[in-house]
Structure formats: structure tokens, C-alpha cells
């Protein structure tokens, strides 16, 4: 599969210029072999996702970022990983009021009417583990929204809350494989996305790894 988000962008932190940025940093720090390992890790994740989602049906997906009803639109990195994971962004046709970063606040009624099968809420990235109360409060807020008790994602307990430190890691590659498993659990039955997160933290960052549940949880 050819991934369109490899195109160039003027902002170096954008996912579109991951390869260019990593190659440049490898040259600046005289560590081109290390840069190559990072790139291989990134593309290896997306190659695994591509292979496993091929031939699957798309799954209606609603992704919120940092604030209630602030959702992601075409042109954003989040939209790109929804497509990579063989999801269908329920707001893929929405553009009015969008920011330059591909986000917009939508009407709550529109979310209910578009009836996502999976809902993901991502907090701002923070290496500090997310506490139980923060997860519990967010799940309670989402499930108590008017009309959300009729949304398939809520009825089937396919609501996920994540700290962006995990799901936005490696230019959102970690988020892509988590989302792919949430959307297509049978195709990823033998894959644990947490293994990729742990490898990123311990091998590439040389940092201690906390429990996966400190950063990502599913409604129970």
C-alpha cells in the first residue's frame, strides 16, 4: 500500500516529513545508523498494519483529541492513522471551521447521528503516568453525554482513552497499531501493541517503562 502521508511538509514535526527529519537528525548528530534504526522501526510498524488490514472492512471511528468534541479531520496525522488502520473517520467529510492542524469542534448531535463503532479520546502527551481518576472521569464523561448510550461504541464498550505520549509516539506509528488492533482484533490476535511501545521507550529512549495501563485503557 502506498501511504500518502509520506509527502513533504514545511513543518518538521509533521508526520509527513518523518523520514526527512530523522535522516537530518542522524546527520546532525553523526548517528546515521541510529537514524536508520528509528526509520526501520517506524516503517516496520506501518508495514505490519498494512499487511494485516488488507481486505478488511472499514470500521466507523470517532477520534477526539484533548477536549470533548474536538475531533480530527482529513489532513491531520490522526486522520491518516485512522485510514492506515482501515478505519473510516466519521467526520471525513467535515471541513467547515477546521484549523490548520486538521481539527475542529463538532456538534454533539452529529457524533450520535454518525454512530461510530469505536471512540478514541487522546490526552495531551505526558510521560507522567495517567492516574486512575483521570481515566475514570473521562470514561464517565463520555458515556454520560446525551444520546451516547445509543452509540454503538458505547453500547459495545469499544471506547478507548489514551495518553498521547503512547499513541502519538514515533509520528503516531504506535497509535496506528493500537488502533488497528482495536478496529480489527481478529487480524491482530497475536500482536500486542504494548510490545512496540515498550521497545520504543526502553530501546530507543533508554527510559524505564511503566505499565501499559498507565497510558491506555478501554472502558470496562
N, C-alpha and C. Protein backbone atom coordinates (compact mmCIF):
# COMPACT_ATOMS: atom_id res chain seq x y z
N UNK A 1 0.84 -1.19 0.00
CA UNK A 1 0.00 0.00 0.00
C UNK A 1 0.88 1.25 0.00
N UNK A 2 0.56 2.22 -0.81
CA UNK A 2 1.29 3.48 -0.83
C UNK A 2 0.65 4.44 0.15
N UNK A 3 1.46 4.99 1.05
CA UNK A 3 0.93 5.85 2.09
C UNK A 3 1.17 7.30 1.71
N UNK A 4 0.09 8.03 1.55
CA UNK A 4 0.18 9.40 1.06
C UNK A 4 0.79 10.35 2.08
N UNK A 5 0.82 9.97 3.38
CA UNK A 5 1.32 10.91 4.37
C UNK A 5 2.84 10.99 4.38
N UNK A 6 3.52 10.35 3.40
CA UNK A 6 4.96 10.49 3.29
C UNK A 6 5.34 11.72 2.46
N UNK A 7 4.35 12.46 1.97
CA UNK A 7 4.64 13.65 1.20
C UNK A 7 5.29 14.70 2.09
N UNK A 8 5.88 15.72 1.46
CA UNK A 8 6.63 16.71 2.20
C UNK A 8 5.72 17.76 2.83
N UNK A 9 6.22 18.43 3.86
CA UNK A 9 5.50 19.48 4.56
C UNK A 9 6.52 20.47 5.09
N UNK A 10 6.16 21.75 5.20
CA UNK A 10 7.11 22.73 5.70
C UNK A 10 7.34 22.65 7.19
N UNK A 11 6.57 21.89 7.94
CA UNK A 11 6.75 21.81 9.38
C UNK A 11 7.47 20.52 9.73
N UNK A 12 8.64 20.64 10.33
CA UNK A 12 9.49 19.47 10.53
C UNK A 12 8.91 18.47 11.51
N UNK A 13 8.00 18.91 12.41
CA UNK A 13 7.44 17.97 13.36
C UNK A 13 6.25 17.20 12.79
N UNK A 14 5.82 17.53 11.61
CA UNK A 14 4.70 16.83 11.00
C UNK A 14 5.08 15.39 10.64
N UNK A 15 4.08 14.51 10.74
CA UNK A 15 4.30 13.12 10.37
C UNK A 15 4.71 12.97 8.92
N UNK A 16 4.30 13.93 8.05
CA UNK A 16 4.60 13.81 6.62
C UNK A 16 6.09 13.83 6.33
N UNK A 17 6.86 14.44 7.21
CA UNK A 17 8.29 14.58 6.95
C UNK A 17 9.12 13.75 7.94
N UNK A 18 8.54 12.68 8.41
CA UNK A 18 9.24 11.84 9.37
C UNK A 18 10.58 11.39 8.83
N UNK A 19 10.59 10.83 7.63
CA UNK A 19 11.84 10.30 7.07
C UNK A 19 12.88 11.40 6.90
N UNK A 20 12.47 12.52 6.36
CA UNK A 20 13.39 13.63 6.15
C UNK A 20 13.96 14.13 7.47
N UNK A 21 13.11 14.26 8.48
CA UNK A 21 13.54 14.75 9.78
C UNK A 21 14.52 13.79 10.44
N UNK A 22 14.19 12.51 10.43
CA UNK A 22 15.05 11.52 11.07
C UNK A 22 16.40 11.44 10.35
N UNK A 23 16.37 11.46 9.02
CA UNK A 23 17.63 11.44 8.26
C UNK A 23 18.49 12.65 8.61
N UNK A 24 17.87 13.82 8.70
CA UNK A 24 18.60 15.04 9.01
C UNK A 24 19.21 14.98 10.41
N UNK A 25 18.44 14.51 11.38
CA UNK A 25 18.94 14.42 12.74
C UNK A 25 20.09 13.41 12.83
N UNK A 26 20.00 12.34 12.05
CA UNK A 26 21.09 11.38 12.02
C UNK A 26 22.39 12.00 11.55
N UNK A 27 22.30 12.89 10.57
CA UNK A 27 23.49 13.57 10.06
C UNK A 27 24.01 14.60 11.06
N UNK A 28 23.08 15.36 11.66
CA UNK A 28 23.48 16.39 12.62
C UNK A 28 24.22 15.80 13.81
N UNK A 29 23.72 14.66 14.31
CA UNK A 29 24.33 14.04 15.49
C UNK A 29 25.30 12.92 15.14
N UNK A 30 25.67 12.84 13.86
CA UNK A 30 26.63 11.82 13.41
C UNK A 30 26.21 10.43 13.85
N UNK A 31 24.94 10.14 13.70
CA UNK A 31 24.41 8.84 14.09
C UNK A 31 23.44 8.35 13.03
N UNK A 32 23.95 8.21 11.82
CA UNK A 32 23.08 7.81 10.71
C UNK A 32 22.58 6.39 10.87
N UNK A 33 23.38 5.52 11.49
CA UNK A 33 22.91 4.15 11.71
C UNK A 33 21.77 4.14 12.71
N UNK A 34 21.85 5.00 13.73
CA UNK A 34 20.76 5.10 14.70
C UNK A 34 19.50 5.64 14.07
N UNK A 35 19.66 6.64 13.20
CA UNK A 35 18.51 7.20 12.50
C UNK A 35 17.85 6.14 11.63
N UNK A 36 18.68 5.32 11.00
CA UNK A 36 18.15 4.25 10.15
C UNK A 36 17.33 3.25 10.97
N UNK A 37 17.78 2.96 12.19
CA UNK A 37 17.04 2.03 13.06
C UNK A 37 15.67 2.60 13.43
N UNK A 38 15.64 3.92 13.70
CA UNK A 38 14.37 4.55 14.03
C UNK A 38 13.42 4.48 12.83
N UNK A 39 13.93 4.79 11.65
CA UNK A 39 13.10 4.73 10.44
C UNK A 39 12.60 3.32 10.18
N UNK A 40 13.48 2.34 10.36
CA UNK A 40 13.08 0.94 10.14
C UNK A 40 11.99 0.53 11.12
N UNK A 41 12.11 0.99 12.36
CA UNK A 41 11.10 0.68 13.37
C UNK A 41 9.75 1.27 12.98
N UNK A 42 9.77 2.53 12.58
CA UNK A 42 8.55 3.23 12.15
C UNK A 42 7.89 2.53 10.97
N UNK A 43 8.65 2.27 9.93
CA UNK A 43 8.06 1.66 8.73
C UNK A 43 7.68 0.20 8.96
N UNK A 44 8.40 -0.45 9.86
CA UNK A 44 8.04 -1.83 10.17
C UNK A 44 6.67 -1.93 10.79
N UNK A 45 6.33 -0.95 11.64
CA UNK A 45 5.00 -0.92 12.25
C UNK A 45 3.93 -0.74 11.19
N UNK A 46 4.11 0.25 10.33
CA UNK A 46 3.10 0.50 9.30
C UNK A 46 3.01 -0.64 8.30
N UNK A 47 4.13 -1.28 8.00
CA UNK A 47 4.09 -2.43 7.08
C UNK A 47 3.27 -3.57 7.68
N UNK A 48 3.42 -3.78 9.00
CA UNK A 48 2.66 -4.83 9.68
C UNK A 48 1.17 -4.49 9.66
N UNK A 49 0.85 -3.23 9.90
CA UNK A 49 -0.55 -2.80 9.86
C UNK A 49 -1.12 -2.97 8.46
N UNK A 50 -0.39 -2.51 7.45
CA UNK A 50 -0.84 -2.63 6.06
C UNK A 50 -1.17 -4.08 5.71
N UNK A 51 -0.27 -4.97 6.09
CA UNK A 51 -0.42 -6.39 5.73
C UNK A 51 -1.66 -6.99 6.38
N UNK A 52 -1.91 -6.67 7.62
CA UNK A 52 -2.98 -7.33 8.36
C UNK A 52 -4.36 -6.75 8.09
N UNK A 53 -4.45 -5.47 7.73
CA UNK A 53 -5.77 -4.89 7.48
C UNK A 53 -6.22 -5.06 6.03
N UNK A 54 -5.33 -5.53 5.18
CA UNK A 54 -5.69 -5.70 3.77
C UNK A 54 -6.90 -6.63 3.64
N UNK A 55 -7.90 -6.17 2.92
CA UNK A 55 -9.09 -6.98 2.68
C UNK A 55 -10.15 -6.88 3.76
N UNK A 56 -9.89 -6.11 4.82
CA UNK A 56 -10.89 -5.97 5.88
C UNK A 56 -11.87 -4.84 5.55
N UNK A 57 -13.01 -4.84 6.21
CA UNK A 57 -13.98 -3.77 6.04
C UNK A 57 -13.61 -2.59 6.95
N UNK A 58 -13.90 -1.40 6.50
CA UNK A 58 -13.60 -0.24 7.34
C UNK A 58 -14.55 -0.20 8.54
N UNK A 59 -14.06 0.39 9.62
CA UNK A 59 -14.83 0.49 10.86
C UNK A 59 -15.03 1.97 11.19
N UNK A 60 -16.27 2.38 11.42
CA UNK A 60 -16.58 3.78 11.70
C UNK A 60 -15.90 4.22 12.99
N UNK A 61 -15.06 5.25 12.89
CA UNK A 61 -14.20 5.65 14.00
C UNK A 61 -14.36 7.14 14.31
N UNK A 62 -14.44 7.44 15.60
CA UNK A 62 -14.50 8.84 16.05
C UNK A 62 -13.35 9.07 17.01
N UNK A 63 -12.47 10.02 16.68
CA UNK A 63 -11.27 10.29 17.48
C UNK A 63 -11.35 11.71 18.01
N UNK A 64 -11.30 11.83 19.34
CA UNK A 64 -11.24 13.14 19.98
C UNK A 64 -9.84 13.39 20.50
N UNK A 65 -9.42 14.64 20.45
CA UNK A 65 -8.09 14.97 20.93
C UNK A 65 -8.12 16.16 21.88
N UNK A 66 -7.72 15.95 23.08
CA UNK A 66 -7.55 16.91 24.19
C UNK A 66 -8.84 17.47 24.79
N UNK A 67 -9.88 17.70 23.99
CA UNK A 67 -11.11 18.31 24.52
C UNK A 67 -12.34 17.59 23.97
N UNK A 68 -13.42 17.56 24.73
CA UNK A 68 -14.65 16.95 24.23
C UNK A 68 -15.09 17.58 22.92
N UNK A 69 -15.43 16.73 21.98
CA UNK A 69 -15.95 17.10 20.66
C UNK A 69 -14.93 17.78 19.75
N UNK A 70 -13.68 17.87 20.18
CA UNK A 70 -12.62 18.34 19.28
C UNK A 70 -12.12 17.12 18.53
N UNK A 71 -12.52 17.03 17.27
CA UNK A 71 -12.22 15.82 16.51
C UNK A 71 -11.22 16.10 15.40
N UNK A 72 -10.77 15.04 14.76
CA UNK A 72 -9.71 15.13 13.75
C UNK A 72 -10.30 14.99 12.36
N UNK A 73 -9.68 15.69 11.41
CA UNK A 73 -10.21 15.78 10.06
C UNK A 73 -9.14 15.41 9.05
N UNK A 74 -9.54 15.22 7.79
CA UNK A 74 -8.55 14.95 6.74
C UNK A 74 -7.46 16.03 6.73
N UNK A 75 -6.22 15.59 6.59
CA UNK A 75 -5.09 16.50 6.63
C UNK A 75 -4.31 16.39 7.92
N UNK A 76 -4.91 15.76 8.92
CA UNK A 76 -4.23 15.58 10.21
C UNK A 76 -3.56 14.22 10.26
N UNK A 77 -2.58 14.10 11.14
CA UNK A 77 -1.93 12.81 11.33
C UNK A 77 -2.87 11.76 11.89
N UNK A 78 -3.81 12.20 12.74
CA UNK A 78 -4.76 11.26 13.30
C UNK A 78 -5.66 10.67 12.22
N UNK A 79 -6.12 11.51 11.30
CA UNK A 79 -6.94 11.01 10.19
C UNK A 79 -6.14 9.99 9.37
N UNK A 80 -4.86 10.28 9.19
CA UNK A 80 -4.02 9.37 8.40
C UNK A 80 -3.91 8.00 9.06
N UNK A 81 -3.78 7.95 10.39
CA UNK A 81 -3.67 6.63 11.02
C UNK A 81 -5.02 5.93 11.08
N UNK A 82 -6.11 6.68 11.12
CA UNK A 82 -7.42 6.03 11.03
C UNK A 82 -7.53 5.29 9.70
N UNK A 83 -7.13 5.96 8.64
CA UNK A 83 -7.17 5.32 7.32
C UNK A 83 -6.18 4.16 7.25
N UNK A 84 -4.99 4.34 7.81
CA UNK A 84 -3.98 3.28 7.77
C UNK A 84 -4.47 2.03 8.50
N UNK A 85 -5.23 2.24 9.59
CA UNK A 85 -5.73 1.12 10.39
C UNK A 85 -7.02 0.53 9.82
N UNK A 86 -7.42 0.98 8.67
CA UNK A 86 -8.64 0.57 7.97
C UNK A 86 -9.88 0.96 8.77
N UNK A 87 -9.82 2.21 9.25
CA UNK A 87 -10.99 2.80 9.86
C UNK A 87 -11.61 3.78 8.88
N UNK A 88 -12.79 4.24 9.21
CA UNK A 88 -13.43 5.30 8.43
C UNK A 88 -13.77 6.43 9.38
N UNK A 89 -13.06 7.53 9.23
CA UNK A 89 -13.31 8.69 10.07
C UNK A 89 -14.74 9.17 9.84
N UNK A 90 -15.56 9.17 10.89
CA UNK A 90 -16.97 9.54 10.72
C UNK A 90 -17.13 11.01 10.34
N UNK A 91 -16.05 11.79 10.49
CA UNK A 91 -16.08 13.19 10.07
C UNK A 91 -15.14 13.45 8.90
N UNK A 92 -14.99 12.45 8.05
CA UNK A 92 -14.09 12.59 6.90
C UNK A 92 -14.60 13.63 5.89
N UNK A 93 -15.90 13.94 5.95
CA UNK A 93 -16.48 14.91 5.00
C UNK A 93 -16.60 16.31 5.60
N UNK A 94 -16.09 16.49 6.81
CA UNK A 94 -16.29 17.74 7.54
C UNK A 94 -15.07 18.65 7.34
N UNK A 95 -15.32 19.90 6.94
CA UNK A 95 -14.20 20.81 6.75
C UNK A 95 -14.47 22.21 7.28
N UNK A 96 -15.72 22.62 7.41
CA UNK A 96 -16.05 23.98 7.84
C UNK A 96 -15.54 24.20 9.27
N UNK A 97 -14.78 25.27 9.46
CA UNK A 97 -14.28 25.60 10.79
C UNK A 97 -13.03 24.85 11.18
N UNK A 98 -12.47 24.06 10.27
CA UNK A 98 -11.28 23.28 10.59
C UNK A 98 -10.09 24.20 10.79
N UNK A 99 -9.22 23.84 11.72
CA UNK A 99 -7.99 24.59 11.92
C UNK A 99 -6.94 24.12 10.94
N UNK A 100 -5.81 24.79 10.94
CA UNK A 100 -4.73 24.39 10.04
C UNK A 100 -4.16 23.03 10.39
N UNK A 101 -4.40 22.57 11.60
CA UNK A 101 -3.88 21.28 12.02
C UNK A 101 -4.90 20.16 11.82
N UNK A 102 -5.96 20.44 11.10
CA UNK A 102 -6.92 19.39 10.79
C UNK A 102 -7.78 18.96 11.95
N UNK A 103 -8.18 19.91 12.78
CA UNK A 103 -9.06 19.62 13.90
C UNK A 103 -10.22 20.61 13.92
N UNK A 104 -11.34 20.19 14.47
CA UNK A 104 -12.48 21.09 14.60
C UNK A 104 -13.40 20.57 15.70
N UNK A 105 -14.09 21.49 16.35
CA UNK A 105 -15.08 21.11 17.35
C UNK A 105 -16.41 20.88 16.65
N UNK A 106 -17.01 19.73 16.89
CA UNK A 106 -18.23 19.34 16.19
C UNK A 106 -19.43 19.33 17.13
N UNK A 107 -20.59 19.32 16.54
CA UNK A 107 -21.83 19.31 17.30
C UNK A 107 -22.05 17.91 17.90
N UNK A 108 -22.35 17.83 19.19
CA UNK A 108 -22.58 16.53 19.82
C UNK A 108 -23.61 15.67 19.10
N UNK A 109 -24.65 16.31 18.59
CA UNK A 109 -25.69 15.57 17.89
C UNK A 109 -25.14 14.87 16.66
N UNK A 110 -24.19 15.51 15.97
CA UNK A 110 -23.59 14.91 14.78
C UNK A 110 -22.85 13.62 15.12
N UNK A 111 -22.20 13.60 16.28
CA UNK A 111 -21.48 12.38 16.68
C UNK A 111 -22.47 11.24 16.86
N UNK A 112 -23.56 11.52 17.56
CA UNK A 112 -24.57 10.48 17.80
C UNK A 112 -25.15 9.99 16.49
N UNK A 113 -25.49 10.92 15.60
CA UNK A 113 -26.10 10.53 14.32
C UNK A 113 -25.14 9.73 13.45
N UNK A 114 -23.84 10.01 13.55
CA UNK A 114 -22.87 9.29 12.72
C UNK A 114 -22.48 7.94 13.32
N UNK A 115 -22.87 7.73 14.58
CA UNK A 115 -22.84 6.42 15.23
C UNK A 115 -21.52 5.67 15.04
N UNK A 116 -20.42 6.17 15.60
CA UNK A 116 -19.15 5.45 15.47
C UNK A 116 -19.16 4.10 16.18
N UNK A 117 -18.45 3.17 15.60
CA UNK A 117 -18.31 1.84 16.21
C UNK A 117 -17.19 1.83 17.24
N UNK A 118 -16.24 2.73 17.08
CA UNK A 118 -15.11 2.85 18.01
C UNK A 118 -14.90 4.33 18.32
N UNK A 119 -14.66 4.65 19.58
CA UNK A 119 -14.35 6.02 20.01
C UNK A 119 -12.98 6.00 20.69
N UNK A 120 -12.14 6.96 20.32
CA UNK A 120 -10.84 7.12 20.97
C UNK A 120 -10.73 8.56 21.46
N UNK A 121 -10.32 8.72 22.70
CA UNK A 121 -10.02 10.05 23.24
C UNK A 121 -8.55 10.07 23.62
N UNK A 122 -7.79 11.04 23.10
CA UNK A 122 -6.37 11.13 23.41
C UNK A 122 -6.07 12.41 24.18
N UNK A 123 -5.47 12.24 25.37
CA UNK A 123 -5.00 13.38 26.15
C UNK A 123 -3.73 13.96 25.52
N UNK A 124 -3.37 15.17 25.96
CA UNK A 124 -2.08 15.74 25.60
C UNK A 124 -0.97 14.79 26.05
N UNK A 125 0.08 14.63 25.24
CA UNK A 125 1.17 13.71 25.62
C UNK A 125 1.85 14.13 26.92
N UNK A 126 2.09 13.15 27.79
CA UNK A 126 2.82 13.38 29.03
C UNK A 126 3.45 12.06 29.47
N UNK A 127 4.75 12.09 29.76
CA UNK A 127 5.43 10.88 30.22
C UNK A 127 4.96 10.49 31.62
N UNK A 128 4.38 11.42 32.33
CA UNK A 128 3.84 11.10 33.66
C UNK A 128 2.64 10.19 33.51
N UNK A 129 2.64 9.04 34.18
CA UNK A 129 1.51 8.12 34.05
C UNK A 129 0.18 8.78 34.36
N UNK A 130 -0.84 8.43 33.59
CA UNK A 130 -2.19 8.96 33.79
C UNK A 130 -2.83 8.23 34.96
N UNK A 131 -3.34 8.95 35.91
CA UNK A 131 -3.91 8.33 37.10
C UNK A 131 -5.26 7.69 36.87
N UNK A 132 -5.64 6.80 37.77
CA UNK A 132 -6.91 6.10 37.66
C UNK A 132 -8.08 7.08 37.59
N UNK A 133 -8.03 8.10 38.42
CA UNK A 133 -9.15 9.05 38.48
C UNK A 133 -9.33 9.77 37.15
N UNK A 134 -8.23 10.08 36.48
CA UNK A 134 -8.31 10.77 35.19
C UNK A 134 -8.98 9.89 34.15
N UNK A 135 -8.59 8.62 34.11
CA UNK A 135 -9.24 7.68 33.19
C UNK A 135 -10.71 7.53 33.53
N UNK A 136 -11.00 7.29 34.80
CA UNK A 136 -12.39 7.07 35.22
C UNK A 136 -13.27 8.28 34.90
N UNK A 137 -12.75 9.47 35.16
CA UNK A 137 -13.53 10.68 34.90
C UNK A 137 -13.82 10.83 33.41
N UNK A 138 -12.84 10.53 32.57
CA UNK A 138 -13.05 10.68 31.12
C UNK A 138 -14.06 9.67 30.61
N UNK A 139 -13.95 8.42 31.05
CA UNK A 139 -14.92 7.42 30.63
C UNK A 139 -16.33 7.83 31.07
N UNK A 140 -16.44 8.30 32.29
CA UNK A 140 -17.74 8.71 32.81
C UNK A 140 -18.30 9.88 32.01
N UNK A 141 -17.44 10.83 31.66
CA UNK A 141 -17.88 11.99 30.89
C UNK A 141 -18.38 11.58 29.52
N UNK A 142 -17.65 10.69 28.86
CA UNK A 142 -18.03 10.27 27.51
C UNK A 142 -19.34 9.49 27.52
N UNK A 143 -19.44 8.54 28.42
CA UNK A 143 -20.62 7.66 28.41
C UNK A 143 -21.87 8.35 28.92
N UNK A 144 -21.73 9.47 29.64
CA UNK A 144 -22.90 10.18 30.16
C UNK A 144 -23.38 11.29 29.23
N UNK A 145 -22.73 11.47 28.10
CA UNK A 145 -23.16 12.51 27.17
C UNK A 145 -24.56 12.18 26.62
N UNK A 146 -25.40 13.17 26.44
CA UNK A 146 -26.75 12.92 25.93
C UNK A 146 -26.73 12.15 24.61
N UNK A 147 -27.44 11.05 24.57
CA UNK A 147 -27.56 10.26 23.35
C UNK A 147 -26.46 9.25 23.14
N UNK A 148 -25.36 9.35 23.89
CA UNK A 148 -24.24 8.44 23.67
C UNK A 148 -24.53 7.01 24.11
N UNK A 149 -25.56 6.83 24.92
CA UNK A 149 -25.93 5.47 25.30
C UNK A 149 -26.48 4.70 24.11
N UNK A 150 -26.80 5.40 23.01
CA UNK A 150 -27.28 4.76 21.79
C UNK A 150 -26.19 4.60 20.74
N UNK A 151 -25.01 5.07 21.03
CA UNK A 151 -23.89 4.95 20.09
C UNK A 151 -23.27 3.56 20.20
N UNK A 152 -23.02 2.93 19.07
CA UNK A 152 -22.51 1.56 19.08
C UNK A 152 -21.23 1.41 19.89
N UNK A 153 -20.32 2.37 19.79
CA UNK A 153 -19.05 2.27 20.51
C UNK A 153 -19.27 2.18 22.01
N UNK A 154 -20.23 2.93 22.52
CA UNK A 154 -20.53 2.92 23.95
C UNK A 154 -21.28 1.65 24.32
N UNK A 155 -22.27 1.29 23.52
CA UNK A 155 -23.06 0.09 23.81
C UNK A 155 -22.18 -1.17 23.83
N UNK A 156 -21.18 -1.20 22.96
CA UNK A 156 -20.32 -2.39 22.84
C UNK A 156 -19.00 -2.25 23.59
N UNK A 157 -18.88 -1.19 24.37
CA UNK A 157 -17.68 -0.93 25.19
C UNK A 157 -16.41 -0.89 24.35
N UNK A 158 -16.51 -0.21 23.22
CA UNK A 158 -15.33 -0.03 22.37
C UNK A 158 -14.91 1.45 22.42
N UNK A 159 -14.71 1.90 23.65
CA UNK A 159 -14.26 3.27 23.92
C UNK A 159 -12.88 3.18 24.55
N UNK A 160 -11.92 3.92 24.01
CA UNK A 160 -10.54 3.86 24.46
C UNK A 160 -10.06 5.26 24.83
N UNK A 161 -9.36 5.35 25.93
CA UNK A 161 -8.77 6.62 26.36
C UNK A 161 -7.27 6.42 26.45
N UNK A 162 -6.52 7.36 25.86
CA UNK A 162 -5.07 7.19 25.77
C UNK A 162 -4.34 8.48 26.09
N UNK A 163 -3.20 8.34 26.69
CA UNK A 163 -2.25 9.43 26.85
C UNK A 163 -1.46 9.52 25.55
N UNK A 164 -1.42 10.70 24.95
CA UNK A 164 -0.75 10.85 23.67
C UNK A 164 0.73 10.52 23.70
N UNK A 165 1.32 10.47 24.89
CA UNK A 165 2.71 10.04 25.00
C UNK A 165 2.90 8.65 24.41
N UNK A 166 1.85 7.84 24.48
CA UNK A 166 1.91 6.50 23.90
C UNK A 166 1.39 6.47 22.47
N UNK A 167 0.17 6.94 22.26
CA UNK A 167 -0.46 6.77 20.95
C UNK A 167 0.03 7.74 19.89
N UNK A 168 0.70 8.81 20.28
CA UNK A 168 1.28 9.70 19.27
C UNK A 168 2.79 9.47 19.10
N UNK A 169 3.31 8.45 19.75
CA UNK A 169 4.75 8.17 19.70
C UNK A 169 5.18 7.72 18.30
N UNK A 170 6.39 8.06 17.95
CA UNK A 170 7.02 7.70 16.67
C UNK A 170 6.14 8.20 15.52
N UNK A 171 5.83 9.48 15.53
CA UNK A 171 4.99 10.08 14.50
C UNK A 171 3.68 9.32 14.33
N UNK A 172 3.11 8.92 15.47
CA UNK A 172 1.81 8.25 15.56
C UNK A 172 1.81 6.80 15.07
N UNK A 173 2.98 6.23 14.82
CA UNK A 173 3.04 4.83 14.41
C UNK A 173 2.51 3.91 15.51
N UNK A 174 2.85 4.21 16.76
CA UNK A 174 2.35 3.39 17.86
C UNK A 174 0.83 3.47 17.93
N UNK A 175 0.30 4.66 17.74
CA UNK A 175 -1.15 4.82 17.73
C UNK A 175 -1.80 4.05 16.61
N UNK A 176 -1.13 3.96 15.47
CA UNK A 176 -1.70 3.24 14.33
C UNK A 176 -1.87 1.76 14.62
N UNK A 177 -0.89 1.16 15.27
CA UNK A 177 -1.01 -0.28 15.51
C UNK A 177 -1.97 -0.57 16.67
N UNK A 178 -2.05 0.35 17.64
CA UNK A 178 -3.08 0.19 18.67
C UNK A 178 -4.47 0.28 18.02
N UNK A 179 -4.68 1.30 17.22
CA UNK A 179 -5.99 1.50 16.61
C UNK A 179 -6.35 0.34 15.70
N UNK A 180 -5.38 -0.15 14.94
CA UNK A 180 -5.65 -1.28 14.04
C UNK A 180 -6.14 -2.49 14.82
N UNK A 181 -5.53 -2.73 15.99
CA UNK A 181 -5.99 -3.87 16.79
C UNK A 181 -7.36 -3.61 17.37
N UNK A 182 -7.65 -2.38 17.78
CA UNK A 182 -8.98 -2.06 18.32
C UNK A 182 -10.05 -2.22 17.25
N UNK A 183 -9.72 -1.86 16.02
CA UNK A 183 -10.70 -1.95 14.93
C UNK A 183 -10.84 -3.37 14.40
N UNK A 184 -9.74 -4.11 14.36
CA UNK A 184 -9.72 -5.44 13.74
C UNK A 184 -9.04 -6.44 14.66
N UNK A 185 -9.64 -6.73 15.81
CA UNK A 185 -8.99 -7.60 16.81
C UNK A 185 -8.63 -8.98 16.30
N UNK A 186 -9.43 -9.55 15.40
CA UNK A 186 -9.13 -10.90 14.92
C UNK A 186 -7.85 -10.92 14.09
N UNK A 187 -7.63 -9.89 13.29
CA UNK A 187 -6.45 -9.83 12.44
C UNK A 187 -5.18 -9.58 13.26
N UNK A 188 -5.34 -9.07 14.48
CA UNK A 188 -4.17 -8.74 15.31
C UNK A 188 -4.16 -9.55 16.61
N UNK A 189 -4.79 -10.72 16.56
CA UNK A 189 -4.91 -11.54 17.76
C UNK A 189 -3.57 -11.87 18.38
N UNK A 190 -2.56 -12.09 17.55
CA UNK A 190 -1.23 -12.47 18.05
C UNK A 190 -0.28 -11.28 18.19
N UNK A 191 -0.81 -10.07 18.05
CA UNK A 191 0.01 -8.86 18.14
C UNK A 191 -0.34 -8.10 19.42
N UNK A 192 0.68 -7.73 20.18
CA UNK A 192 0.49 -6.89 21.36
C UNK A 192 1.12 -5.53 21.09
N UNK A 193 0.31 -4.50 20.80
CA UNK A 193 0.89 -3.19 20.53
C UNK A 193 1.77 -2.67 21.66
N UNK A 194 1.50 -3.13 22.88
CA UNK A 194 2.31 -2.72 24.01
C UNK A 194 3.77 -3.13 23.86
N UNK A 195 4.03 -4.19 23.10
CA UNK A 195 5.42 -4.60 22.86
C UNK A 195 6.17 -3.54 22.08
N UNK A 196 5.47 -2.92 21.12
CA UNK A 196 6.10 -1.85 20.33
C UNK A 196 6.34 -0.62 21.20
N UNK A 197 5.37 -0.30 22.05
CA UNK A 197 5.53 0.85 22.94
C UNK A 197 6.70 0.61 23.89
N UNK A 198 6.78 -0.57 24.46
CA UNK A 198 7.88 -0.88 25.38
C UNK A 198 9.23 -0.81 24.68
N UNK A 199 9.30 -1.33 23.46
CA UNK A 199 10.55 -1.27 22.71
C UNK A 199 10.96 0.17 22.43
N UNK A 200 9.99 1.01 22.07
CA UNK A 200 10.27 2.41 21.79
C UNK A 200 10.84 3.10 23.04
N UNK A 201 10.24 2.83 24.18
CA UNK A 201 10.65 3.50 25.41
C UNK A 201 12.01 2.99 25.91
N UNK A 202 12.16 1.67 25.97
CA UNK A 202 13.36 1.10 26.58
C UNK A 202 14.56 1.06 25.64
N UNK A 203 14.32 0.66 24.38
CA UNK A 203 15.43 0.50 23.44
C UNK A 203 15.85 1.81 22.79
N UNK A 204 14.86 2.60 22.37
CA UNK A 204 15.20 3.81 21.63
C UNK A 204 15.38 5.04 22.54
N UNK A 205 14.65 5.08 23.66
CA UNK A 205 14.79 6.22 24.55
C UNK A 205 15.63 5.93 25.79
N UNK A 206 15.86 4.65 26.05
CA UNK A 206 16.64 4.28 27.23
C UNK A 206 15.98 4.71 28.52
N UNK A 207 14.65 4.69 28.53
CA UNK A 207 13.90 5.14 29.69
C UNK A 207 13.19 3.95 30.35
N UNK A 208 12.85 4.07 31.62
CA UNK A 208 12.09 2.99 32.28
C UNK A 208 10.68 2.92 31.71
N UNK A 209 10.15 1.71 31.67
CA UNK A 209 8.82 1.51 31.09
C UNK A 209 7.82 1.24 32.19
N UNK A 210 6.79 2.05 32.25
CA UNK A 210 5.71 1.82 33.20
C UNK A 210 4.68 0.86 32.60
N UNK A 211 3.69 0.51 33.37
CA UNK A 211 2.66 -0.39 32.88
C UNK A 211 1.87 0.26 31.75
N UNK A 212 1.49 -0.54 30.76
CA UNK A 212 0.71 -0.03 29.64
C UNK A 212 -0.57 0.65 30.13
N UNK A 213 -1.16 0.10 31.19
CA UNK A 213 -2.41 0.65 31.71
C UNK A 213 -2.25 2.04 32.31
N UNK A 214 -1.01 2.49 32.49
CA UNK A 214 -0.78 3.86 32.94
C UNK A 214 -1.05 4.87 31.84
N UNK A 215 -1.13 4.39 30.59
CA UNK A 215 -1.25 5.29 29.45
C UNK A 215 -2.45 5.01 28.54
N UNK A 216 -2.94 3.77 28.54
CA UNK A 216 -4.02 3.40 27.62
C UNK A 216 -4.99 2.46 28.32
N UNK A 217 -6.28 2.77 28.19
CA UNK A 217 -7.29 1.88 28.78
C UNK A 217 -8.54 1.82 27.91
N UNK A 218 -9.26 0.71 28.07
CA UNK A 218 -10.54 0.50 27.41
C UNK A 218 -11.63 0.53 28.45
N UNK A 219 -12.76 1.09 28.09
CA UNK A 219 -13.89 1.13 29.03
C UNK A 219 -14.26 -0.29 29.43
N UNK A 220 -14.61 -0.45 30.68
CA UNK A 220 -14.97 -1.78 31.20
C UNK A 220 -16.47 -1.86 31.46
